[in-house]
Amino acid sequence: MVEIYNERIQDLLINPAKRPKEGLKIRENQTYGIYVEGIQKVAVNSFKEIERQMDEGSKNRTIGSTQMNATSSRAHTVIAIEFRQIVTF
């Protein structure tokens, strides 16, 4: 879950105080395609856990008040969910 704000990309699953000030970099790879370098991936086992992570990321968004809205955001949020099936025997 990343945010694009003021031309910087930040990982919303990382505490704002611990994020790199310069933001994260977008990279391209022949195998992986386009990706954000250094984002945190969190393994979850249920939809409830996905919701919990999304709530945490939403709390870490950059917001600032405007005359029309006290919790306005000038940022864009991108959420990526990667599904992997794990088979155990």
Protein backbone atom coordinates (compact mmCIF):
# COMPACT_ATOMS: atom_id res chain seq x y z
CA MET A 1 0.00 0.00 0.00
CA VAL A 2 1.79 3.10 -1.23
CA GLU A 3 1.03 6.78 -1.44
CA ILE A 4 2.14 9.26 -4.06
CA TYR A 5 2.34 12.74 -2.54
CA ASN A 6 4.43 15.72 -3.65
CA GLU A 7 6.10 13.54 -6.30
CA ARG A 8 7.33 11.10 -3.64
CA ILE A 9 6.29 7.50 -3.09
CA GLN A 10 5.89 6.33 0.50
CA ASP A 11 5.02 2.92 1.94
CA LEU A 12 1.88 3.36 4.04
CA LEU A 13 2.56 0.15 5.97
CA ILE A 14 5.68 1.74 7.48
CA ASN A 15 5.41 4.18 10.38
CA PRO A 16 5.74 7.74 8.98
CA ALA A 17 8.64 8.50 11.34
CA LYS A 18 10.63 5.55 9.93
CA ARG A 19 10.07 6.24 6.21
CA PRO A 20 12.90 7.49 4.00
CA LYS A 21 12.46 11.24 3.57
CA GLU A 22 13.37 11.07 -0.12
CA GLY A 23 10.68 8.45 -0.78
CA LEU A 24 10.92 5.13 -2.60
CA LYS A 25 12.06 4.56 -6.17
CA ILE A 26 10.13 3.05 -9.08
CA ARG A 27 12.11 0.37 -10.90
CA GLU A 28 11.57 -1.83 -13.94
CA ASN A 29 12.74 -5.41 -14.34
CA GLN A 30 12.26 -7.88 -17.19
CA THR A 31 11.03 -10.55 -14.77
CA TYR A 32 8.96 -8.47 -12.32
CA GLY A 33 7.88 -5.61 -14.56
CA ILE A 34 7.42 -2.20 -12.93
CA TYR A 35 7.63 -2.18 -9.13
CA VAL A 36 8.38 0.06 -6.16
CA GLU A 37 11.73 -0.74 -4.58
CA GLY A 38 11.74 -1.33 -0.84
CA ILE A 39 8.03 -1.73 -0.11
CA GLN A 40 7.00 -3.89 2.79
CA LYS A 41 5.14 -7.11 2.01
CA VAL A 42 2.94 -8.55 4.76
CA ALA A 43 1.70 -12.13 4.71
CA VAL A 44 -1.94 -12.54 5.72
CA ASN A 45 -4.22 -15.55 6.03
CA SER A 46 -7.68 -14.02 5.92
CA PHE A 47 -9.73 -11.16 4.59
CA LYS A 48 -9.90 -9.79 8.16
CA GLU A 49 -6.11 -9.50 8.19
CA ILE A 50 -6.19 -7.70 4.81
CA GLU A 51 -8.69 -5.23 6.27
CA ARG A 52 -6.47 -4.70 9.31
CA GLN A 53 -3.46 -3.88 7.10
CA MET A 54 -5.52 -1.53 4.93
CA ASP A 55 -6.81 0.25 8.06
CA GLU A 56 -3.24 0.67 9.29
CA GLY A 57 -2.15 2.06 5.91
CA SER A 58 -5.11 4.44 5.82
CA LYS A 59 -4.11 5.83 9.22
CA ASN A 60 -0.63 6.58 7.84
CA ARG A 61 -1.86 8.60 4.85
CA THR A 62 -0.77 12.20 4.40
CA ILE A 63 -3.70 14.50 5.10
CA GLY A 64 -4.08 18.21 5.61
CA SER A 65 -7.06 20.42 6.18
CA THR A 66 -8.45 22.67 3.50
CA GLN A 67 -11.23 25.23 3.74
CA MET A 68 -13.71 22.64 2.47
CA ASN A 69 -12.52 19.45 4.17
CA ALA A 70 -10.64 18.94 7.45
CA THR A 71 -9.20 15.56 6.37
CA SER A 72 -8.51 16.27 2.72
CA SER A 73 -5.75 14.39 0.94
CA ARG A 74 -3.76 15.58 -2.02
CA ALA A 75 -2.22 12.13 -2.36
CA HIS A 76 -2.99 9.10 -4.48
CA THR A 77 -3.08 5.72 -2.77
CA VAL A 78 -2.23 2.48 -4.61
CA ILE A 79 -3.02 -0.89 -3.06
CA ALA A 80 -1.57 -4.10 -4.48
CA ILE A 81 -2.68 -7.51 -3.29
CA GLU A 82 -0.62 -10.50 -4.40
CA PHE A 83 -2.25 -13.91 -4.03
CA ARG A 84 -0.13 -17.01 -3.62
CA GLN A 85 -1.47 -20.44 -2.95
CA ILE A 86 0.62 -22.44 -0.53
CA VAL A 87 0.19 -26.19 -0.57
CA THR A 88 1.32 -28.15 2.46
CA PHE A 89 1.49 -31.91 2.64
